[in-house]
Amino acid sequence: MNTETFEIEEIVKPKSVFEDFVPEFFEYATAWQRFANMIIDCICYYLFAIGTLSILYLTDKETFEGEGMAQLSIILCMFLYFVFFEALIGQTIGKVITRTKVVDHFNNKPSFSRVMGRTLCRLIPFDGLSFFSGGEGWHDSISKTRVIKIQ
């Protein structure tokens, strides 16, 4: 009878794809910084949306009389806000205040398509609070981006 010896391999928790690419001297944003980003950015893009909607309503009241137009406009303003700032400088107003920025898995400014995907993922219900379950929000993990502290 042939008896073979099998070694039991140590079970290792899978590493995040970012652990291989992000140098150790970068520090990830804390959950509280991320929460502050969310609050500040919500205030900013809602102010932007209210201003934009007010101007559009004053110029064309009939278009904005329907219920769905206001919600669609708010979502559009959210896209414009996040895509403009994150694609252009890698930071929204909230991230500037909390001294954090968005990077891709190579620590570069994320591409336009990553920012678009990241922004689209913000529409997932409860995404805004998902970073409390491990530091990485769903819009980060899906778009392969991270929010890091800046010096």
N, C-alpha and C. Protein backbone atom coordinates (compact mmCIF):
# COMPACT_ATOMS: atom_id res chain seq x y z
N MET A 1 0.84 -1.17 0.00
CA MET A 1 0.00 0.00 0.00
C MET A 1 0.89 1.25 0.00
N ASN A 2 0.59 2.17 -0.87
CA ASN A 2 1.39 3.38 -1.03
C ASN A 2 0.85 4.47 -0.11
N THR A 3 1.68 4.92 0.77
CA THR A 3 1.26 6.01 1.65
C THR A 3 2.02 7.26 1.26
N GLU A 4 1.29 8.29 0.97
CA GLU A 4 1.91 9.56 0.61
C GLU A 4 1.74 10.54 1.75
N THR A 5 2.73 11.35 1.91
CA THR A 5 2.66 12.36 2.95
C THR A 5 2.21 13.67 2.34
N PHE A 6 1.19 14.23 2.92
CA PHE A 6 0.69 15.52 2.46
C PHE A 6 1.00 16.57 3.51
N GLU A 7 1.51 17.69 3.06
CA GLU A 7 1.74 18.78 3.99
C GLU A 7 0.49 19.64 4.03
N ILE A 8 0.14 20.03 5.19
CA ILE A 8 -1.01 20.92 5.33
C ILE A 8 -0.52 22.34 5.17
N GLU A 9 -1.07 23.00 4.18
CA GLU A 9 -0.67 24.38 3.93
C GLU A 9 -1.39 25.30 4.89
N GLU A 10 -0.70 26.33 5.27
CA GLU A 10 -1.30 27.31 6.16
C GLU A 10 -2.37 28.08 5.38
N ILE A 11 -3.50 28.24 5.99
CA ILE A 11 -4.57 29.00 5.36
C ILE A 11 -4.29 30.47 5.59
N VAL A 12 -4.17 31.17 4.49
CA VAL A 12 -3.82 32.58 4.55
C VAL A 12 -5.00 33.39 4.05
N LYS A 13 -5.32 34.45 4.77
CA LYS A 13 -6.39 35.35 4.34
C LYS A 13 -5.97 35.98 3.02
N PRO A 14 -6.85 35.99 2.02
CA PRO A 14 -6.49 36.59 0.74
C PRO A 14 -6.14 38.07 0.90
N LYS A 15 -5.14 38.49 0.18
CA LYS A 15 -4.71 39.87 0.25
C LYS A 15 -5.53 40.70 -0.72
N SER A 16 -5.71 41.93 -0.36
CA SER A 16 -6.36 42.87 -1.26
C SER A 16 -5.44 43.10 -2.45
N VAL A 17 -6.01 43.40 -3.60
CA VAL A 17 -5.18 43.68 -4.77
C VAL A 17 -4.32 44.90 -4.55
N PHE A 18 -4.70 45.77 -3.62
CA PHE A 18 -3.95 46.99 -3.40
C PHE A 18 -2.71 46.77 -2.54
N GLU A 19 -2.69 45.72 -1.75
CA GLU A 19 -1.56 45.51 -0.85
C GLU A 19 -0.26 45.30 -1.61
N ASP A 20 -0.33 44.80 -2.82
CA ASP A 20 0.87 44.58 -3.61
C ASP A 20 1.38 45.85 -4.27
N PHE A 21 0.49 46.82 -4.48
CA PHE A 21 0.84 47.98 -5.27
C PHE A 21 1.04 49.26 -4.49
N VAL A 22 0.43 49.38 -3.34
CA VAL A 22 0.50 50.63 -2.59
C VAL A 22 1.72 50.58 -1.67
N PRO A 23 2.65 51.51 -1.85
CA PRO A 23 3.82 51.53 -0.98
C PRO A 23 3.40 51.72 0.47
N GLU A 24 4.22 51.24 1.39
CA GLU A 24 3.88 51.28 2.80
C GLU A 24 3.82 52.69 3.36
N PHE A 25 4.47 53.66 2.74
CA PHE A 25 4.48 55.00 3.31
C PHE A 25 3.18 55.75 3.05
N PHE A 26 2.25 55.17 2.33
CA PHE A 26 0.93 55.77 2.17
C PHE A 26 0.02 55.25 3.25
N GLU A 27 -0.75 56.15 3.82
CA GLU A 27 -1.68 55.77 4.87
C GLU A 27 -3.09 55.93 4.32
N TYR A 28 -3.91 54.91 4.49
CA TYR A 28 -5.28 54.99 4.03
C TYR A 28 -6.10 55.92 4.90
N ALA A 29 -7.07 56.58 4.31
CA ALA A 29 -7.96 57.46 5.05
C ALA A 29 -8.75 56.64 6.06
N THR A 30 -9.00 57.22 7.21
CA THR A 30 -9.77 56.53 8.24
C THR A 30 -11.26 56.56 7.89
N ALA A 31 -12.02 55.71 8.56
CA ALA A 31 -13.46 55.69 8.34
C ALA A 31 -14.07 57.04 8.70
N TRP A 32 -13.54 57.72 9.70
CA TRP A 32 -14.09 59.01 10.09
C TRP A 32 -13.75 60.09 9.07
N GLN A 33 -12.57 60.02 8.46
CA GLN A 33 -12.25 60.95 7.38
C GLN A 33 -13.19 60.71 6.21
N ARG A 34 -13.44 59.44 5.90
CA ARG A 34 -14.34 59.10 4.81
C ARG A 34 -15.76 59.59 5.10
N PHE A 35 -16.19 59.47 6.36
CA PHE A 35 -17.51 59.94 6.76
C PHE A 35 -17.59 61.46 6.60
N ALA A 36 -16.54 62.16 7.04
CA ALA A 36 -16.50 63.62 6.87
C ALA A 36 -16.53 63.99 5.39
N ASN A 37 -15.79 63.24 4.56
CA ASN A 37 -15.83 63.48 3.11
C ASN A 37 -17.25 63.38 2.59
N MET A 38 -17.95 62.32 3.02
CA MET A 38 -19.30 62.09 2.53
C MET A 38 -20.23 63.25 2.92
N ILE A 39 -20.16 63.68 4.18
CA ILE A 39 -21.03 64.77 4.65
C ILE A 39 -20.72 66.07 3.91
N ILE A 40 -19.45 66.44 3.84
CA ILE A 40 -19.05 67.68 3.17
C ILE A 40 -19.43 67.64 1.70
N ASP A 41 -19.15 66.51 1.03
CA ASP A 41 -19.46 66.41 -0.39
C ASP A 41 -20.96 66.41 -0.66
N CYS A 42 -21.74 65.79 0.23
CA CYS A 42 -23.20 65.84 0.07
C CYS A 42 -23.70 67.28 0.15
N ILE A 43 -23.20 68.02 1.12
CA ILE A 43 -23.60 69.43 1.24
C ILE A 43 -23.21 70.19 -0.02
N CYS A 44 -21.99 69.98 -0.50
CA CYS A 44 -21.50 70.70 -1.68
C CYS A 44 -22.30 70.37 -2.94
N TYR A 45 -22.53 69.07 -3.20
CA TYR A 45 -23.23 68.79 -4.44
C TYR A 45 -24.72 69.10 -4.34
N TYR A 46 -25.29 69.08 -3.14
CA TYR A 46 -26.69 69.52 -3.02
C TYR A 46 -26.80 71.03 -3.23
N LEU A 47 -25.84 71.80 -2.72
CA LEU A 47 -25.84 73.24 -3.00
C LEU A 47 -25.68 73.51 -4.49
N PHE A 48 -24.78 72.75 -5.12
CA PHE A 48 -24.59 72.86 -6.57
C PHE A 48 -25.89 72.50 -7.30
N ALA A 49 -26.55 71.44 -6.85
CA ALA A 49 -27.80 71.00 -7.48
C ALA A 49 -28.91 72.03 -7.28
N ILE A 50 -29.02 72.58 -6.07
CA ILE A 50 -30.06 73.59 -5.81
C ILE A 50 -29.83 74.82 -6.68
N GLY A 51 -28.58 75.26 -6.77
CA GLY A 51 -28.27 76.41 -7.63
C GLY A 51 -28.58 76.13 -9.09
N THR A 52 -28.16 74.96 -9.56
CA THR A 52 -28.40 74.58 -10.95
C THR A 52 -29.89 74.44 -11.23
N LEU A 53 -30.61 73.75 -10.34
CA LEU A 53 -32.05 73.58 -10.51
C LEU A 53 -32.79 74.91 -10.47
N SER A 54 -32.36 75.80 -9.61
CA SER A 54 -33.00 77.12 -9.53
C SER A 54 -32.86 77.88 -10.84
N ILE A 55 -31.66 77.86 -11.39
CA ILE A 55 -31.42 78.54 -12.66
C ILE A 55 -32.24 77.90 -13.77
N LEU A 56 -32.21 76.56 -13.83
CA LEU A 56 -32.97 75.87 -14.87
C LEU A 56 -34.48 76.08 -14.71
N TYR A 57 -34.95 76.09 -13.47
CA TYR A 57 -36.38 76.29 -13.22
C TYR A 57 -36.81 77.69 -13.63
N LEU A 58 -35.97 78.68 -13.35
CA LEU A 58 -36.32 80.05 -13.72
C LEU A 58 -36.33 80.25 -15.23
N THR A 59 -35.51 79.48 -15.94
CA THR A 59 -35.46 79.63 -17.40
C THR A 59 -36.50 78.78 -18.12
N ASP A 60 -36.89 77.63 -17.53
CA ASP A 60 -37.85 76.75 -18.20
C ASP A 60 -38.70 76.02 -17.15
N LYS A 61 -39.69 76.71 -16.61
CA LYS A 61 -40.52 76.16 -15.53
C LYS A 61 -41.29 74.92 -15.95
N GLU A 62 -41.75 74.86 -17.18
CA GLU A 62 -42.60 73.75 -17.64
C GLU A 62 -41.86 72.41 -17.60
N THR A 63 -40.58 72.41 -17.90
CA THR A 63 -39.80 71.17 -17.92
C THR A 63 -39.66 70.60 -16.52
N PHE A 64 -39.55 71.47 -15.53
CA PHE A 64 -39.28 71.02 -14.16
C PHE A 64 -40.54 70.87 -13.30
N GLU A 65 -41.70 70.94 -13.92
CA GLU A 65 -42.94 70.76 -13.17
C GLU A 65 -43.15 69.29 -12.79
N GLY A 66 -42.65 68.35 -13.57
CA GLY A 66 -42.80 66.92 -13.28
C GLY A 66 -41.92 66.50 -12.12
N GLU A 67 -42.33 65.44 -11.44
CA GLU A 67 -41.59 64.96 -10.27
C GLU A 67 -40.20 64.42 -10.60
N GLY A 68 -40.09 63.62 -11.63
CA GLY A 68 -38.84 62.93 -11.94
C GLY A 68 -37.71 63.83 -12.38
N MET A 69 -38.02 64.99 -12.91
CA MET A 69 -36.98 65.86 -13.45
C MET A 69 -36.05 66.37 -12.34
N ALA A 70 -36.58 66.70 -11.18
CA ALA A 70 -35.74 67.20 -10.09
C ALA A 70 -34.78 66.12 -9.60
N GLN A 71 -35.29 64.87 -9.42
CA GLN A 71 -34.42 63.78 -8.95
C GLN A 71 -33.34 63.47 -9.98
N LEU A 72 -33.73 63.45 -11.24
CA LEU A 72 -32.76 63.20 -12.31
C LEU A 72 -31.69 64.29 -12.34
N SER A 73 -32.10 65.51 -12.13
CA SER A 73 -31.15 66.63 -12.12
C SER A 73 -30.19 66.54 -10.95
N ILE A 74 -30.68 66.11 -9.78
CA ILE A 74 -29.82 65.96 -8.61
C ILE A 74 -28.78 64.88 -8.86
N ILE A 75 -29.19 63.77 -9.46
CA ILE A 75 -28.24 62.69 -9.78
C ILE A 75 -27.22 63.18 -10.80
N LEU A 76 -27.67 63.93 -11.79
CA LEU A 76 -26.76 64.49 -12.80
C LEU A 76 -25.76 65.44 -12.15
N CYS A 77 -26.23 66.27 -11.23
CA CYS A 77 -25.32 67.18 -10.53
C CYS A 77 -24.31 66.42 -9.69
N MET A 78 -24.74 65.31 -9.07
CA MET A 78 -23.82 64.48 -8.30
C MET A 78 -22.72 63.94 -9.22
N PHE A 79 -23.13 63.45 -10.40
CA PHE A 79 -22.13 62.95 -11.35
C PHE A 79 -21.17 64.04 -11.76
N LEU A 80 -21.70 65.21 -12.09
CA LEU A 80 -20.84 66.31 -12.51
C LEU A 80 -19.86 66.70 -11.41
N TYR A 81 -20.34 66.77 -10.19
CA TYR A 81 -19.50 67.16 -9.05
C TYR A 81 -18.36 66.16 -8.85
N PHE A 82 -18.70 64.88 -8.68
CA PHE A 82 -17.67 63.89 -8.38
C PHE A 82 -16.74 63.66 -9.57
N VAL A 83 -17.29 63.53 -10.76
CA VAL A 83 -16.45 63.26 -11.93
C VAL A 83 -15.53 64.44 -12.21
N PHE A 84 -16.07 65.65 -12.13
CA PHE A 84 -15.24 66.83 -12.39
C PHE A 84 -14.04 66.88 -11.45
N PHE A 85 -14.31 66.83 -10.14
CA PHE A 85 -13.23 66.98 -9.17
C PHE A 85 -12.30 65.78 -9.12
N GLU A 86 -12.84 64.57 -9.07
CA GLU A 86 -11.98 63.39 -8.93
C GLU A 86 -11.20 63.10 -10.20
N ALA A 87 -11.77 63.35 -11.37
CA ALA A 87 -11.03 63.11 -12.61
C ALA A 87 -10.00 64.21 -12.85
N LEU A 88 -10.31 65.42 -12.44
CA LEU A 88 -9.40 66.54 -12.69
C LEU A 88 -8.24 66.57 -11.70
N ILE A 89 -8.55 66.53 -10.40
CA ILE A 89 -7.48 66.68 -9.40
C ILE A 89 -7.39 65.52 -8.41
N GLY A 90 -8.30 64.56 -8.50
CA GLY A 90 -8.26 63.41 -7.59
C GLY A 90 -8.83 63.73 -6.21
N GLN A 91 -9.43 64.90 -6.06
CA GLN A 91 -9.98 65.30 -4.77
C GLN A 91 -11.28 66.07 -4.98
N THR A 92 -12.24 65.81 -4.12
CA THR A 92 -13.43 66.64 -4.06
C THR A 92 -13.18 67.70 -2.98
N ILE A 93 -14.14 68.58 -2.79
CA ILE A 93 -13.98 69.60 -1.75
C ILE A 93 -13.83 68.95 -0.38
N GLY A 94 -14.60 67.90 -0.12
CA GLY A 94 -14.49 67.17 1.14
C GLY A 94 -13.10 66.57 1.34
N LYS A 95 -12.53 66.04 0.28
CA LYS A 95 -11.20 65.44 0.38
C LYS A 95 -10.11 66.50 0.56
N VAL A 96 -10.31 67.67 -0.03
CA VAL A 96 -9.35 68.76 0.18
C VAL A 96 -9.35 69.15 1.65
N ILE A 97 -10.54 69.28 2.24
CA ILE A 97 -10.66 69.68 3.64
C ILE A 97 -10.07 68.62 4.58
N THR A 98 -10.32 67.34 4.30
CA THR A 98 -9.82 66.27 5.18
C THR A 98 -8.42 65.79 4.79
N ARG A 99 -7.82 66.42 3.80
CA ARG A 99 -6.46 66.10 3.34
C ARG A 99 -6.34 64.63 2.91
N THR A 100 -7.24 64.22 2.04
CA THR A 100 -7.21 62.88 1.46
C THR A 100 -7.36 63.02 -0.05
N LYS A 101 -7.07 61.93 -0.76
CA LYS A 101 -7.27 61.95 -2.21
C LYS A 101 -7.55 60.54 -2.71
N VAL A 102 -8.11 60.46 -3.91
CA VAL A 102 -8.42 59.19 -4.55
C VAL A 102 -7.24 58.80 -5.43
N VAL A 103 -6.84 57.54 -5.34
CA VAL A 103 -5.80 57.01 -6.21
C VAL A 103 -6.24 55.67 -6.77
N ASP A 104 -5.62 55.27 -7.87
CA ASP A 104 -5.89 53.93 -8.39
C ASP A 104 -4.94 52.95 -7.69
N HIS A 105 -4.94 51.71 -8.12
CA HIS A 105 -4.12 50.71 -7.43
C HIS A 105 -2.63 50.86 -7.68
N PHE A 106 -2.21 51.82 -8.52
CA PHE A 106 -0.80 52.13 -8.72
C PHE A 106 -0.42 53.46 -8.08
N ASN A 107 -1.34 54.00 -7.26
CA ASN A 107 -1.16 55.30 -6.60
C ASN A 107 -1.12 56.48 -7.56
N ASN A 108 -1.71 56.32 -8.72
CA ASN A 108 -1.83 57.41 -9.66
C ASN A 108 -3.23 57.99 -9.59
N LYS A 109 -3.38 59.17 -10.15
CA LYS A 109 -4.71 59.74 -10.25
C LYS A 109 -5.55 58.77 -11.07
N PRO A 110 -6.76 58.44 -10.62
CA PRO A 110 -7.56 57.45 -11.35
C PRO A 110 -7.97 57.95 -12.73
N SER A 111 -8.10 57.02 -13.65
CA SER A 111 -8.51 57.38 -15.01
C SER A 111 -9.96 57.86 -15.01
N PHE A 112 -10.35 58.50 -16.09
CA PHE A 112 -11.71 59.00 -16.22
C PHE A 112 -12.72 57.87 -16.11
N SER A 113 -12.43 56.72 -16.72
CA SER A 113 -13.37 55.60 -16.67
C SER A 113 -13.49 55.03 -15.25
N ARG A 114 -12.40 55.02 -14.50
CA ARG A 114 -12.47 54.56 -13.10
C ARG A 114 -13.32 55.52 -12.27
N VAL A 115 -13.13 56.82 -12.50
CA VAL A 115 -13.92 57.81 -11.76
C VAL A 115 -15.40 57.70 -12.13
N MET A 116 -15.69 57.46 -13.40
CA MET A 116 -17.09 57.28 -13.82
C MET A 116 -17.69 56.05 -13.13
N GLY A 117 -16.95 54.95 -13.11
CA GLY A 117 -17.43 53.74 -12.44
C GLY A 117 -17.60 53.96 -10.95
N ARG A 118 -16.65 54.66 -10.35
CA ARG A 118 -16.69 54.98 -8.92
C ARG A 118 -17.93 55.81 -8.60
N THR A 119 -18.20 56.79 -9.44
CA THR A 119 -19.36 57.66 -9.23
C THR A 119 -20.67 56.90 -9.45
N LEU A 120 -20.71 56.05 -10.44
CA LEU A 120 -21.91 55.24 -10.69
C LEU A 120 -22.20 54.33 -9.49
N CYS A 121 -21.15 53.78 -8.89
CA CYS A 121 -21.33 52.90 -7.73
C CYS A 121 -21.87 53.63 -6.51
N ARG A 122 -21.74 54.93 -6.47
CA ARG A 122 -22.29 55.71 -5.35
C ARG A 122 -23.81 55.62 -5.29
N LEU A 123 -24.43 55.19 -6.38
CA LEU A 123 -25.88 55.05 -6.41
C LEU A 123 -26.35 53.76 -5.75
N ILE A 124 -25.43 52.86 -5.40
CA ILE A 124 -25.79 51.62 -4.70
C ILE A 124 -26.31 52.00 -3.31
N PRO A 125 -27.48 51.51 -2.93
CA PRO A 125 -28.01 51.85 -1.60
C PRO A 125 -27.02 51.50 -0.49
N PHE A 126 -26.86 52.38 0.45
CA PHE A 126 -25.99 52.27 1.62
C PHE A 126 -24.50 52.26 1.27
N ASP A 127 -24.14 52.58 0.03
CA ASP A 127 -22.73 52.64 -0.34
C ASP A 127 -21.99 53.68 0.51
N GLY A 128 -22.66 54.78 0.80
CA GLY A 128 -22.03 55.85 1.57
C GLY A 128 -21.57 55.43 2.95
N LEU A 129 -22.09 54.34 3.48
CA LEU A 129 -21.69 53.86 4.80
C LEU A 129 -20.88 52.56 4.72
N SER A 130 -20.64 52.05 3.53
CA SER A 130 -19.96 50.76 3.38
C SER A 130 -18.51 50.79 3.83
N PHE A 131 -17.87 51.96 3.88
CA PHE A 131 -16.48 52.02 4.30
C PHE A 131 -16.32 51.76 5.79
N PHE A 132 -17.41 51.79 6.56
CA PHE A 132 -17.33 51.46 7.99
C PHE A 132 -17.12 49.97 8.23
N SER A 133 -17.31 49.16 7.20
CA SER A 133 -17.14 47.71 7.38
C SER A 133 -15.78 47.23 6.91
N GLY A 134 -14.76 48.00 7.13
CA GLY A 134 -13.42 47.55 6.77
C GLY A 134 -12.56 48.62 6.13
N GLY A 135 -13.04 49.84 6.05
CA GLY A 135 -12.23 50.92 5.52
C GLY A 135 -12.32 51.13 4.03
N GLU A 136 -12.90 50.19 3.32
CA GLU A 136 -12.99 50.31 1.86
C GLU A 136 -14.47 50.32 1.48
N GLY A 137 -14.89 51.38 0.82
CA GLY A 137 -16.28 51.46 0.37
C GLY A 137 -16.49 50.60 -0.86
N TRP A 138 -17.75 50.29 -1.13
CA TRP A 138 -18.05 49.49 -2.31
C TRP A 138 -17.62 50.23 -3.57
N HIS A 139 -17.79 51.55 -3.60
CA HIS A 139 -17.37 52.28 -4.79
C HIS A 139 -15.86 52.28 -4.96
N ASP A 140 -15.12 51.99 -3.88
CA ASP A 140 -13.66 51.82 -3.98
C ASP A 140 -13.31 50.44 -4.54
N SER A 141 -13.87 49.41 -3.92
CA SER A 141 -13.50 48.05 -4.31
C SER A 141 -13.94 47.73 -5.73
N ILE A 142 -15.11 48.18 -6.12
CA ILE A 142 -15.61 47.89 -7.47
C ILE A 142 -14.78 48.62 -8.52
N SER A 143 -14.43 49.87 -8.26
CA SER A 143 -13.67 50.66 -9.25
C SER A 143 -12.16 50.53 -9.10
N LYS A 144 -11.72 49.70 -8.12
CA LYS A 144 -10.29 49.50 -7.86
C LYS A 144 -9.56 50.81 -7.59
N THR A 145 -10.14 51.57 -6.65
CA THR A 145 -9.53 52.82 -6.21
C THR A 145 -9.42 52.80 -4.69
N ARG A 146 -8.67 53.72 -4.14
CA ARG A 146 -8.52 53.87 -2.69
C ARG A 146 -8.49 55.36 -2.36
N VAL A 147 -8.83 55.67 -1.13
CA VAL A 147 -8.70 57.03 -0.62
C VAL A 147 -7.58 57.00 0.41
N ILE A 148 -6.56 57.82 0.16
CA ILE A 148 -5.39 57.84 1.04
C ILE A 148 -5.21 59.23 1.65
N LYS A 149 -4.48 59.26 2.76
CA LYS A 149 -4.13 60.53 3.38
C LYS A 149 -3.02 61.18 2.58
N ILE A 150 -3.02 62.49 2.52
CA ILE A 150 -1.91 63.19 1.89
C ILE A 150 -1.18 64.01 2.94
N GLN A 151 0.08 64.22 2.71
CA GLN A 151 0.92 64.91 3.70
C GLN A 151 0.73 66.41 3.60
